[in-house]
Amino acid sequence: MELGPVTLEGQYVRLEPITLAHIPALWRIGAHAELWRYIPYSIGSEAAMHAYVESELAKQAAGQVVRFVTVARATNELVGATSFMAIDRQHRRLEIGGTWITPAWQRSPINTEAKYLQLRHAFETVGCIRVEFKTDVLNSKSRQALERIGAVQEGIFRKHMVMPGGRLRDSVYFSITCDDWPTVKAQLAARMASYPPPATA
C-alpha cells in the first residue's frame, strides 16, 4: 500500500501537500476558536500553528500521516486542512481526519468534494480496504456529515481522549469499506452534481 504526499484536484477544491510556507495563511484562516472545540489539540497562535505543522511534517517523513492543505479553486486561497492518518499498510486501512474548514467556506461544496477525492484516492489508487473516521461524541454536526456521505457508525470509544480543557472525550468511530465504496461514490457524485457549476478564478 504505497501512500505519500500527492496533489488531489477536483472541480471546487485542490488538496496540496502541506509545507512550512503555508503556515501564515493557515493561521490567518484558522484563528477561530470554534474550529478547535472538538479537536484534541488547541492552536491559539501562529507559533502553535508552526509547531503543529512541523510535527505533522516529521510524522509524514516517517510515513505515519499524509497532510494536505485545502485550497478553493475558485479563488486559489487556502480554506482549511485535512489528512490521511493512522496509516496501517499491513492491513490496508487508514483514517481521514484532522479536517477543518474556515467558517466562511463551510456549507459549501469544498468538504464534500475533498472527502470524495480522498476516498477515491484511498480505495482506487492506494488500494485500501477500509477507511476510518472518528469524531467527538458531542460533535453532532460532524456525525451527521459522516452519515450523509454514507459512513457507517461502528461504536463509541469511552473516555478516549483528554481534551485541552481537561474534558474526557468519548469518540464515535465510523468507517467505509471497499464493499461500501461503489455506493458511497455514487451518492457523493450525485450530491456534487446538484451543486452549481464552480466559479472560475
N, C-alpha and C. Protein backbone atom coordinates (compact mmCIF):
# COMPACT_ATOMS: atom_id res chain seq x y z
N MET A 1 0.86 -1.18 0.00
CA MET A 1 0.00 0.00 0.00
C MET A 1 0.89 1.23 0.00
N GLU A 2 1.13 1.78 -1.20
CA GLU A 2 2.01 2.94 -1.34
C GLU A 2 1.21 4.22 -1.10
N LEU A 3 1.69 5.03 -0.16
CA LEU A 3 0.96 6.24 0.20
C LEU A 3 1.95 7.31 0.60
N GLY A 4 1.88 8.46 -0.08
CA GLY A 4 2.77 9.57 0.23
C GLY A 4 2.16 10.88 -0.23
N PRO A 5 2.88 11.98 -0.09
CA PRO A 5 2.35 13.28 -0.50
C PRO A 5 1.93 13.29 -1.97
N VAL A 6 0.77 13.86 -2.22
CA VAL A 6 0.21 13.89 -3.57
C VAL A 6 -0.75 15.06 -3.65
N THR A 7 -0.98 15.60 -4.84
CA THR A 7 -1.98 16.63 -5.05
C THR A 7 -3.24 15.98 -5.64
N LEU A 8 -4.38 16.27 -5.01
CA LEU A 8 -5.67 15.74 -5.47
C LEU A 8 -6.53 16.93 -5.88
N GLU A 9 -7.05 16.92 -7.10
CA GLU A 9 -7.77 18.09 -7.61
C GLU A 9 -9.11 17.71 -8.20
N GLY A 10 -10.12 18.49 -7.85
CA GLY A 10 -11.45 18.32 -8.38
C GLY A 10 -11.94 19.59 -9.03
N GLN A 11 -13.26 19.77 -9.10
CA GLN A 11 -13.83 20.98 -9.69
C GLN A 11 -13.73 22.17 -8.76
N TYR A 12 -13.98 21.93 -7.46
CA TYR A 12 -14.09 23.01 -6.49
C TYR A 12 -12.86 23.15 -5.60
N VAL A 13 -12.12 22.06 -5.44
CA VAL A 13 -11.09 22.03 -4.41
C VAL A 13 -9.82 21.37 -4.93
N ARG A 14 -8.72 21.81 -4.38
CA ARG A 14 -7.42 21.17 -4.62
C ARG A 14 -6.79 20.88 -3.27
N LEU A 15 -6.39 19.63 -3.07
CA LEU A 15 -5.69 19.24 -1.86
C LEU A 15 -4.21 19.15 -2.18
N GLU A 16 -3.41 19.99 -1.52
CA GLU A 16 -1.97 20.06 -1.79
C GLU A 16 -1.19 19.59 -0.58
N PRO A 17 -0.01 18.98 -0.77
CA PRO A 17 0.84 18.64 0.37
C PRO A 17 1.20 19.87 1.19
N ILE A 18 1.10 19.77 2.49
CA ILE A 18 1.38 20.90 3.37
C ILE A 18 2.88 21.20 3.40
N THR A 19 3.24 22.47 3.51
CA THR A 19 4.63 22.90 3.66
C THR A 19 4.69 23.99 4.71
N LEU A 20 5.91 24.31 5.15
CA LEU A 20 6.08 25.40 6.12
C LEU A 20 5.62 26.73 5.53
N ALA A 21 5.69 26.88 4.23
CA ALA A 21 5.26 28.14 3.60
C ALA A 21 3.77 28.40 3.78
N HIS A 22 2.98 27.37 4.09
CA HIS A 22 1.54 27.54 4.26
C HIS A 22 1.17 28.09 5.64
N ILE A 23 2.12 28.13 6.57
CA ILE A 23 1.78 28.43 7.97
C ILE A 23 1.09 29.78 8.15
N PRO A 24 1.59 30.90 7.60
CA PRO A 24 0.90 32.18 7.82
C PRO A 24 -0.56 32.15 7.36
N ALA A 25 -0.81 31.57 6.20
CA ALA A 25 -2.19 31.50 5.70
C ALA A 25 -3.04 30.58 6.56
N LEU A 26 -2.46 29.45 6.99
CA LEU A 26 -3.22 28.53 7.85
C LEU A 26 -3.60 29.20 9.16
N TRP A 27 -2.69 29.99 9.73
CA TRP A 27 -3.05 30.68 10.97
C TRP A 27 -4.10 31.75 10.72
N ARG A 28 -3.98 32.46 9.59
CA ARG A 28 -4.94 33.51 9.28
C ARG A 28 -6.36 32.95 9.18
N ILE A 29 -6.50 31.80 8.53
CA ILE A 29 -7.84 31.22 8.38
C ILE A 29 -8.23 30.32 9.54
N GLY A 30 -7.24 29.95 10.37
CA GLY A 30 -7.51 29.04 11.48
C GLY A 30 -7.69 29.71 12.82
N ALA A 31 -7.62 31.03 12.85
CA ALA A 31 -7.72 31.76 14.12
C ALA A 31 -9.18 31.94 14.54
N HIS A 32 -9.89 30.82 14.66
CA HIS A 32 -11.29 30.80 15.08
C HIS A 32 -11.43 29.71 16.15
N ALA A 33 -11.73 30.11 17.37
CA ALA A 33 -11.77 29.15 18.48
C ALA A 33 -12.73 28.00 18.21
N GLU A 34 -13.83 28.27 17.49
CA GLU A 34 -14.82 27.22 17.28
C GLU A 34 -14.29 26.06 16.43
N LEU A 35 -13.24 26.31 15.63
CA LEU A 35 -12.67 25.25 14.81
C LEU A 35 -12.04 24.15 15.65
N TRP A 36 -11.58 24.50 16.84
CA TRP A 36 -10.81 23.57 17.67
C TRP A 36 -11.62 23.02 18.83
N ARG A 37 -12.91 23.32 18.88
CA ARG A 37 -13.74 22.94 20.04
C ARG A 37 -13.75 21.43 20.27
N TYR A 38 -13.76 20.65 19.20
CA TYR A 38 -13.88 19.20 19.34
C TYR A 38 -12.60 18.46 18.94
N ILE A 39 -11.52 19.19 18.72
CA ILE A 39 -10.25 18.60 18.30
C ILE A 39 -9.32 18.50 19.50
N PRO A 40 -8.61 17.38 19.68
CA PRO A 40 -7.85 17.17 20.91
C PRO A 40 -6.51 17.90 20.97
N TYR A 41 -6.44 19.05 20.33
CA TYR A 41 -5.30 19.94 20.49
C TYR A 41 -5.82 21.35 20.23
N SER A 42 -5.10 22.33 20.72
CA SER A 42 -5.54 23.71 20.59
C SER A 42 -4.45 24.52 19.90
N ILE A 43 -4.83 25.26 18.88
CA ILE A 43 -3.88 26.12 18.17
C ILE A 43 -4.32 27.56 18.35
N GLY A 44 -3.64 28.24 19.25
CA GLY A 44 -4.07 29.58 19.63
C GLY A 44 -3.14 30.69 19.19
N SER A 45 -2.14 30.37 18.37
CA SER A 45 -1.21 31.39 17.90
C SER A 45 -0.52 30.89 16.65
N GLU A 46 0.13 31.79 15.93
CA GLU A 46 0.87 31.37 14.75
C GLU A 46 2.04 30.47 15.13
N ALA A 47 2.64 30.73 16.30
CA ALA A 47 3.73 29.87 16.76
C ALA A 47 3.23 28.45 17.01
N ALA A 48 2.03 28.33 17.59
CA ALA A 48 1.46 27.00 17.82
C ALA A 48 1.16 26.31 16.49
N MET A 49 0.68 27.07 15.50
CA MET A 49 0.44 26.50 14.17
C MET A 49 1.76 26.02 13.56
N HIS A 50 2.81 26.81 13.73
CA HIS A 50 4.12 26.43 13.20
C HIS A 50 4.59 25.13 13.83
N ALA A 51 4.46 25.01 15.15
CA ALA A 51 4.89 23.80 15.84
C ALA A 51 4.08 22.60 15.39
N TYR A 52 2.78 22.81 15.18
CA TYR A 52 1.91 21.72 14.73
C TYR A 52 2.31 21.24 13.34
N VAL A 53 2.51 22.18 12.41
CA VAL A 53 2.86 21.80 11.05
C VAL A 53 4.22 21.10 11.03
N GLU A 54 5.18 21.59 11.80
CA GLU A 54 6.48 20.91 11.87
C GLU A 54 6.32 19.48 12.37
N SER A 55 5.48 19.30 13.38
CA SER A 55 5.24 17.96 13.91
C SER A 55 4.61 17.05 12.86
N GLU A 56 3.63 17.58 12.12
CA GLU A 56 2.98 16.79 11.08
C GLU A 56 3.94 16.43 9.95
N LEU A 57 4.83 17.35 9.60
CA LEU A 57 5.81 17.06 8.55
C LEU A 57 6.78 15.97 8.99
N ALA A 58 7.13 15.97 10.28
CA ALA A 58 8.01 14.92 10.80
C ALA A 58 7.30 13.56 10.74
N LYS A 59 6.03 13.54 11.11
CA LYS A 59 5.26 12.29 11.02
C LYS A 59 5.11 11.84 9.57
N GLN A 60 4.94 12.81 8.68
CA GLN A 60 4.80 12.47 7.26
C GLN A 60 6.10 11.86 6.74
N ALA A 61 7.25 12.43 7.13
CA ALA A 61 8.54 11.88 6.71
C ALA A 61 8.72 10.46 7.20
N ALA A 62 8.09 10.14 8.35
CA ALA A 62 8.18 8.80 8.91
C ALA A 62 7.12 7.86 8.34
N GLY A 63 6.29 8.35 7.43
CA GLY A 63 5.27 7.52 6.80
C GLY A 63 4.02 7.32 7.63
N GLN A 64 3.83 8.17 8.66
CA GLN A 64 2.70 7.99 9.57
C GLN A 64 1.46 8.77 9.16
N VAL A 65 1.63 9.88 8.46
CA VAL A 65 0.50 10.69 8.00
C VAL A 65 0.79 11.23 6.61
N VAL A 66 -0.25 11.68 5.94
CA VAL A 66 -0.12 12.50 4.73
C VAL A 66 -1.02 13.70 4.96
N ARG A 67 -0.41 14.87 5.08
CA ARG A 67 -1.16 16.07 5.47
C ARG A 67 -1.35 16.99 4.27
N PHE A 68 -2.58 17.48 4.10
CA PHE A 68 -2.93 18.36 2.99
C PHE A 68 -3.39 19.73 3.51
N VAL A 69 -3.17 20.75 2.68
CA VAL A 69 -3.93 21.99 2.82
C VAL A 69 -5.05 21.93 1.80
N THR A 70 -6.17 22.55 2.13
CA THR A 70 -7.36 22.56 1.28
C THR A 70 -7.45 23.92 0.60
N VAL A 71 -7.47 23.92 -0.72
CA VAL A 71 -7.47 25.16 -1.50
C VAL A 71 -8.76 25.25 -2.30
N ALA A 72 -9.45 26.38 -2.19
CA ALA A 72 -10.64 26.62 -3.02
C ALA A 72 -10.17 27.04 -4.41
N ARG A 73 -10.51 26.26 -5.42
CA ARG A 73 -10.03 26.56 -6.77
C ARG A 73 -10.60 27.87 -7.31
N ALA A 74 -11.81 28.25 -6.85
CA ALA A 74 -12.43 29.47 -7.38
C ALA A 74 -11.61 30.71 -7.09
N THR A 75 -10.93 30.72 -5.95
CA THR A 75 -10.17 31.90 -5.54
C THR A 75 -8.69 31.60 -5.33
N ASN A 76 -8.33 30.32 -5.42
CA ASN A 76 -6.95 29.88 -5.20
C ASN A 76 -6.45 30.23 -3.80
N GLU A 77 -7.34 30.22 -2.81
CA GLU A 77 -6.94 30.53 -1.45
C GLU A 77 -7.09 29.32 -0.54
N LEU A 78 -6.24 29.26 0.49
CA LEU A 78 -6.35 28.21 1.48
C LEU A 78 -7.62 28.40 2.28
N VAL A 79 -8.33 27.30 2.52
CA VAL A 79 -9.57 27.37 3.29
C VAL A 79 -9.61 26.35 4.43
N GLY A 80 -8.58 25.51 4.54
CA GLY A 80 -8.59 24.53 5.61
C GLY A 80 -7.49 23.50 5.45
N ALA A 81 -7.67 22.36 6.09
CA ALA A 81 -6.68 21.29 6.05
C ALA A 81 -7.37 19.96 6.31
N THR A 82 -6.69 18.88 5.92
CA THR A 82 -7.18 17.53 6.17
C THR A 82 -6.01 16.58 6.06
N SER A 83 -6.22 15.30 6.36
CA SER A 83 -5.09 14.37 6.31
C SER A 83 -5.54 12.93 6.18
N PHE A 84 -4.60 12.10 5.72
CA PHE A 84 -4.64 10.66 5.93
C PHE A 84 -3.79 10.40 7.18
N MET A 85 -4.31 9.62 8.11
CA MET A 85 -3.60 9.36 9.35
C MET A 85 -3.89 7.93 9.80
N ALA A 86 -3.30 7.53 10.93
CA ALA A 86 -3.48 6.15 11.42
C ALA A 86 -3.29 5.15 10.28
N ILE A 87 -2.23 5.34 9.50
CA ILE A 87 -1.99 4.52 8.31
C ILE A 87 -1.47 3.15 8.73
N ASP A 88 -2.15 2.11 8.31
CA ASP A 88 -1.75 0.73 8.59
C ASP A 88 -1.59 0.01 7.26
N ARG A 89 -0.36 -0.02 6.78
CA ARG A 89 -0.10 -0.59 5.45
C ARG A 89 -0.34 -2.09 5.42
N GLN A 90 -0.01 -2.78 6.50
CA GLN A 90 -0.19 -4.23 6.52
C GLN A 90 -1.65 -4.62 6.34
N HIS A 91 -2.52 -3.89 7.02
CA HIS A 91 -3.94 -4.23 6.99
C HIS A 91 -4.74 -3.34 6.03
N ARG A 92 -4.01 -2.52 5.26
CA ARG A 92 -4.61 -1.74 4.16
C ARG A 92 -5.77 -0.87 4.65
N ARG A 93 -5.49 -0.12 5.70
CA ARG A 93 -6.51 0.80 6.21
C ARG A 93 -5.84 2.11 6.63
N LEU A 94 -6.65 3.15 6.70
CA LEU A 94 -6.20 4.45 7.16
C LEU A 94 -7.40 5.23 7.67
N GLU A 95 -7.11 6.37 8.28
CA GLU A 95 -8.16 7.27 8.77
C GLU A 95 -8.08 8.59 8.01
N ILE A 96 -9.22 9.14 7.67
CA ILE A 96 -9.29 10.52 7.19
C ILE A 96 -9.68 11.37 8.39
N GLY A 97 -8.83 12.32 8.73
CA GLY A 97 -9.11 13.10 9.94
C GLY A 97 -8.30 14.38 9.98
N GLY A 98 -8.34 15.04 11.14
CA GLY A 98 -7.68 16.33 11.28
C GLY A 98 -8.23 17.35 10.30
N THR A 99 -9.51 17.22 9.98
CA THR A 99 -10.14 18.05 8.95
C THR A 99 -10.79 19.28 9.56
N TRP A 100 -10.50 20.42 8.99
CA TRP A 100 -11.22 21.65 9.38
C TRP A 100 -11.30 22.59 8.18
N ILE A 101 -12.39 23.34 8.14
CA ILE A 101 -12.64 24.31 7.08
C ILE A 101 -12.96 25.64 7.75
N THR A 102 -12.31 26.71 7.30
CA THR A 102 -12.56 28.03 7.89
C THR A 102 -14.04 28.39 7.75
N PRO A 103 -14.63 29.09 8.74
CA PRO A 103 -16.08 29.29 8.75
C PRO A 103 -16.67 29.86 7.46
N ALA A 104 -15.96 30.76 6.79
CA ALA A 104 -16.50 31.39 5.58
C ALA A 104 -16.74 30.39 4.46
N TRP A 105 -16.07 29.22 4.50
CA TRP A 105 -16.19 28.23 3.43
C TRP A 105 -16.93 26.98 3.88
N GLN A 106 -17.46 26.99 5.08
CA GLN A 106 -18.32 25.89 5.49
C GLN A 106 -19.67 26.03 4.77
N ARG A 107 -20.42 24.94 4.67
CA ARG A 107 -21.69 24.95 3.93
C ARG A 107 -21.46 25.29 2.45
N SER A 108 -20.35 24.78 1.92
CA SER A 108 -20.04 24.91 0.50
C SER A 108 -19.67 23.51 -0.01
N PRO A 109 -19.44 23.36 -1.32
CA PRO A 109 -19.07 22.02 -1.84
C PRO A 109 -17.68 21.56 -1.42
N ILE A 110 -16.90 22.43 -0.77
CA ILE A 110 -15.49 22.16 -0.51
C ILE A 110 -15.28 20.84 0.23
N ASN A 111 -15.94 20.66 1.37
CA ASN A 111 -15.67 19.48 2.19
C ASN A 111 -16.18 18.21 1.53
N THR A 112 -17.34 18.30 0.86
CA THR A 112 -17.87 17.11 0.17
C THR A 112 -16.90 16.63 -0.90
N GLU A 113 -16.41 17.55 -1.71
CA GLU A 113 -15.51 17.13 -2.78
C GLU A 113 -14.16 16.69 -2.23
N ALA A 114 -13.69 17.33 -1.17
CA ALA A 114 -12.43 16.89 -0.56
C ALA A 114 -12.53 15.45 -0.07
N LYS A 115 -13.64 15.13 0.60
CA LYS A 115 -13.84 13.75 1.05
C LYS A 115 -13.90 12.80 -0.14
N TYR A 116 -14.58 13.19 -1.19
CA TYR A 116 -14.67 12.36 -2.39
C TYR A 116 -13.27 12.08 -2.96
N LEU A 117 -12.45 13.14 -3.06
CA LEU A 117 -11.12 12.97 -3.62
C LEU A 117 -10.26 12.07 -2.74
N GLN A 118 -10.36 12.25 -1.43
CA GLN A 118 -9.57 11.42 -0.52
C GLN A 118 -10.01 9.96 -0.56
N LEU A 119 -11.31 9.76 -0.54
CA LEU A 119 -11.82 8.38 -0.57
C LEU A 119 -11.48 7.70 -1.89
N ARG A 120 -11.64 8.40 -2.98
CA ARG A 120 -11.30 7.81 -4.28
C ARG A 120 -9.83 7.44 -4.35
N HIS A 121 -8.98 8.32 -3.85
CA HIS A 121 -7.54 8.03 -3.85
C HIS A 121 -7.24 6.82 -2.96
N ALA A 122 -7.87 6.78 -1.78
CA ALA A 122 -7.61 5.69 -0.84
C ALA A 122 -8.03 4.34 -1.41
N PHE A 123 -9.22 4.28 -1.98
CA PHE A 123 -9.73 2.99 -2.46
C PHE A 123 -9.21 2.62 -3.85
N GLU A 124 -9.14 3.60 -4.76
CA GLU A 124 -8.88 3.26 -6.15
C GLU A 124 -7.41 3.37 -6.54
N THR A 125 -6.63 4.17 -5.81
CA THR A 125 -5.21 4.31 -6.12
C THR A 125 -4.33 3.58 -5.11
N VAL A 126 -4.60 3.81 -3.84
CA VAL A 126 -3.77 3.23 -2.78
C VAL A 126 -4.09 1.77 -2.54
N GLY A 127 -5.37 1.39 -2.72
CA GLY A 127 -5.77 0.00 -2.50
C GLY A 127 -6.24 -0.30 -1.10
N CYS A 128 -6.80 0.70 -0.42
CA CYS A 128 -7.33 0.47 0.93
C CYS A 128 -8.55 -0.46 0.87
N ILE A 129 -8.73 -1.20 1.95
CA ILE A 129 -9.96 -1.97 2.10
C ILE A 129 -10.86 -1.36 3.16
N ARG A 130 -10.33 -0.38 3.89
CA ARG A 130 -11.11 0.25 4.97
C ARG A 130 -10.60 1.67 5.20
N VAL A 131 -11.51 2.62 5.31
CA VAL A 131 -11.20 4.00 5.69
C VAL A 131 -12.01 4.33 6.93
N GLU A 132 -11.34 4.85 7.93
CA GLU A 132 -11.98 5.17 9.21
C GLU A 132 -12.13 6.67 9.40
N PHE A 133 -13.08 7.03 10.24
CA PHE A 133 -13.28 8.40 10.69
C PHE A 133 -13.61 8.33 12.18
N LYS A 134 -13.21 9.34 12.92
CA LYS A 134 -13.67 9.43 14.31
C LYS A 134 -13.97 10.88 14.62
N THR A 135 -14.90 11.09 15.55
CA THR A 135 -15.26 12.43 15.95
C THR A 135 -15.74 12.43 17.38
N ASP A 136 -15.74 13.60 17.98
CA ASP A 136 -16.22 13.75 19.35
C ASP A 136 -17.71 13.39 19.41
N VAL A 137 -18.09 12.64 20.43
CA VAL A 137 -19.50 12.25 20.57
C VAL A 137 -20.40 13.47 20.65
N LEU A 138 -19.87 14.62 21.12
CA LEU A 138 -20.67 15.83 21.23
C LEU A 138 -20.79 16.60 19.91
N ASN A 139 -20.00 16.22 18.92
CA ASN A 139 -19.97 16.96 17.66
C ASN A 139 -21.04 16.43 16.71
N SER A 140 -22.27 16.84 16.95
CA SER A 140 -23.39 16.34 16.16
C SER A 140 -23.28 16.74 14.69
N LYS A 141 -22.72 17.89 14.42
CA LYS A 141 -22.57 18.35 13.03
C LYS A 141 -21.66 17.40 12.25
N SER A 142 -20.54 17.02 12.85
CA SER A 142 -19.62 16.10 12.20
C SER A 142 -20.23 14.72 12.04
N ARG A 143 -20.93 14.24 13.06
CA ARG A 143 -21.57 12.93 12.99
C ARG A 143 -22.59 12.88 11.86
N GLN A 144 -23.40 13.93 11.75
CA GLN A 144 -24.41 13.98 10.68
C GLN A 144 -23.75 14.03 9.31
N ALA A 145 -22.64 14.77 9.20
CA ALA A 145 -21.95 14.88 7.92
C ALA A 145 -21.39 13.53 7.49
N LEU A 146 -20.85 12.76 8.45
CA LEU A 146 -20.32 11.45 8.12
C LEU A 146 -21.43 10.48 7.71
N GLU A 147 -22.56 10.57 8.38
CA GLU A 147 -23.69 9.73 7.99
C GLU A 147 -24.18 10.08 6.60
N ARG A 148 -24.17 11.38 6.26
CA ARG A 148 -24.64 11.81 4.94
C ARG A 148 -23.78 11.27 3.82
N ILE A 149 -22.48 11.12 4.06
CA ILE A 149 -21.63 10.61 2.98
C ILE A 149 -21.66 9.09 2.90
N GLY A 150 -22.37 8.45 3.83
CA GLY A 150 -22.51 7.00 3.76
C GLY A 150 -21.61 6.22 4.69
N ALA A 151 -20.89 6.91 5.59
CA ALA A 151 -20.07 6.20 6.56
C ALA A 151 -20.96 5.49 7.58
N VAL A 152 -20.52 4.34 8.05
CA VAL A 152 -21.28 3.52 8.98
C VAL A 152 -20.74 3.71 10.40
N GLN A 153 -21.63 4.09 11.32
CA GLN A 153 -21.19 4.20 12.72
C GLN A 153 -20.95 2.81 13.29
N GLU A 154 -19.79 2.65 13.93
CA GLU A 154 -19.40 1.34 14.45
C GLU A 154 -19.45 1.25 15.97
N GLY A 155 -19.25 2.36 16.65
CA GLY A 155 -19.26 2.29 18.10
C GLY A 155 -18.64 3.52 18.73
N ILE A 156 -18.69 3.56 20.04
CA ILE A 156 -18.18 4.69 20.81
C ILE A 156 -17.04 4.22 21.70
N PHE A 157 -15.90 4.88 21.59
CA PHE A 157 -14.76 4.63 22.47
C PHE A 157 -14.91 5.58 23.67
N ARG A 158 -15.23 5.04 24.83
CA ARG A 158 -15.48 5.86 26.01
C ARG A 158 -14.18 6.36 26.62
N LYS A 159 -14.23 7.63 27.08
CA LYS A 159 -13.06 8.27 27.68
C LYS A 159 -11.81 8.04 26.82
N HIS A 160 -11.95 8.34 25.58
CA HIS A 160 -10.93 8.04 24.58
C HIS A 160 -9.79 9.05 24.55
N MET A 161 -10.11 10.32 24.85
CA MET A 161 -9.09 11.37 24.78
C MET A 161 -9.30 12.38 25.90
N VAL A 162 -8.19 12.99 26.31
CA VAL A 162 -8.26 14.11 27.25
C VAL A 162 -8.14 15.38 26.44
N MET A 163 -9.18 16.20 26.46
CA MET A 163 -9.21 17.43 25.68
C MET A 163 -8.37 18.51 26.36
N PRO A 164 -7.97 19.56 25.62
CA PRO A 164 -7.11 20.59 26.20
C PRO A 164 -7.64 21.19 27.50
N GLY A 165 -8.95 21.31 27.64
CA GLY A 165 -9.51 21.86 28.88
C GLY A 165 -9.68 20.84 29.99
N GLY A 166 -9.34 19.59 29.71
CA GLY A 166 -9.45 18.54 30.73
C GLY A 166 -10.66 17.64 30.59
N ARG A 167 -11.59 17.98 29.69
CA ARG A 167 -12.76 17.13 29.49
C ARG A 167 -12.33 15.78 28.92
N LEU A 168 -12.97 14.71 29.40
CA LEU A 168 -12.71 13.38 28.87
C LEU A 168 -13.65 13.12 27.70
N ARG A 169 -13.07 13.01 26.54
CA ARG A 169 -13.85 12.89 25.31
C ARG A 169 -14.16 11.44 24.99
N ASP A 170 -15.43 11.17 24.69
CA ASP A 170 -15.84 9.92 24.05
C ASP A 170 -15.78 10.13 22.54
N SER A 171 -15.22 9.18 21.81
CA SER A 171 -15.08 9.29 20.36
C SER A 171 -15.99 8.30 19.65
N VAL A 172 -16.67 8.77 18.61
CA VAL A 172 -17.52 7.91 17.79
C VAL A 172 -16.73 7.51 16.55
N TYR A 173 -16.66 6.21 16.28
CA TYR A 173 -15.96 5.70 15.11
C TYR A 173 -16.94 5.35 14.00
N PHE A 174 -16.54 5.73 12.78
CA PHE A 174 -17.27 5.41 11.56
C PHE A 174 -16.30 4.75 10.58
N SER A 175 -16.84 4.06 9.60
CA SER A 175 -15.97 3.52 8.55
C SER A 175 -16.71 3.42 7.23
N ILE A 176 -15.91 3.36 6.17
CA ILE A 176 -16.36 2.99 4.83
C ILE A 176 -15.40 1.90 4.36
N THR A 177 -15.93 0.79 3.87
CA THR A 177 -15.09 -0.29 3.37
C THR A 177 -15.08 -0.31 1.85
N CYS A 178 -14.19 -1.13 1.31
CA CYS A 178 -14.14 -1.26 -0.15
C CYS A 178 -15.45 -1.79 -0.72
N ASP A 179 -16.19 -2.56 0.07
CA ASP A 179 -17.51 -3.03 -0.39
C ASP A 179 -18.52 -1.90 -0.44
N ASP A 180 -18.40 -0.96 0.49
CA ASP A 180 -19.31 0.19 0.54
C ASP A 180 -19.01 1.22 -0.54
N TRP A 181 -17.75 1.28 -0.96
CA TRP A 181 -17.29 2.41 -1.77
C TRP A 181 -18.09 2.64 -3.04
N PRO A 182 -18.47 1.65 -3.85
CA PRO A 182 -19.23 1.97 -5.06
C PRO A 182 -20.52 2.74 -4.78
N THR A 183 -21.23 2.35 -3.73
CA THR A 183 -22.47 3.05 -3.38
C THR A 183 -22.17 4.44 -2.86
N VAL A 184 -21.17 4.55 -1.98
CA VAL A 184 -20.80 5.86 -1.43
C VAL A 184 -20.33 6.78 -2.55
N LYS A 185 -19.55 6.25 -3.46
CA LYS A 185 -19.05 7.05 -4.58
C LYS A 185 -20.20 7.61 -5.40
N ALA A 186 -21.18 6.78 -5.70
CA ALA A 186 -22.33 7.23 -6.48
C ALA A 186 -23.12 8.30 -5.74
N GLN A 187 -23.29 8.13 -4.42
CA GLN A 187 -24.02 9.12 -3.63
C GLN A 187 -23.28 10.46 -3.61
N LEU A 188 -21.96 10.41 -3.43
CA LEU A 188 -21.18 11.65 -3.41
C LEU A 188 -21.21 12.33 -4.78
N ALA A 189 -21.12 11.53 -5.84
CA ALA A 189 -21.17 12.10 -7.19
C ALA A 189 -22.50 12.79 -7.44
N ALA A 190 -23.59 12.18 -6.96
CA ALA A 190 -24.92 12.78 -7.13
C ALA A 190 -25.03 14.08 -6.35
N ARG A 191 -24.48 14.10 -5.14
CA ARG A 191 -24.51 15.34 -4.35
C ARG A 191 -23.74 16.44 -5.05
N MET A 192 -22.57 16.11 -5.57
CA MET A 192 -21.76 17.14 -6.23
C MET A 192 -22.42 17.62 -7.52
N ALA A 193 -23.14 16.74 -8.19
CA ALA A 193 -23.84 17.15 -9.41
C ALA A 193 -24.97 18.14 -9.13
N SER A 194 -25.44 18.15 -7.87
CA SER A 194 -26.52 19.06 -7.50
C SER A 194 -26.03 20.46 -7.18
N TYR A 195 -24.71 20.63 -7.02
CA TYR A 195 -24.15 21.94 -6.72
C TYR A 195 -24.09 22.80 -7.98
N PRO A 196 -24.11 24.11 -7.82
CA PRO A 196 -23.94 24.97 -9.01
C PRO A 196 -22.56 24.80 -9.61
N PRO A 197 -22.40 25.09 -10.89
CA PRO A 197 -21.07 24.97 -11.52
C PRO A 197 -20.05 25.82 -10.77
N PRO A 198 -18.81 25.35 -10.67
CA PRO A 198 -17.81 26.12 -9.94
C PRO A 198 -17.48 27.42 -10.66
N ALA A 199 -17.23 28.45 -9.84
CA ALA A 199 -16.80 29.72 -10.41
C ALA A 199 -15.38 29.59 -10.89
N THR A 200 -14.99 30.41 -11.82
CA THR A 200 -13.62 30.40 -12.30
C THR A 200 -12.81 31.43 -11.53
N ALA A 201 -11.52 31.11 -11.34
CA ALA A 201 -10.65 32.01 -10.58
C ALA A 201 -10.42 33.29 -11.34
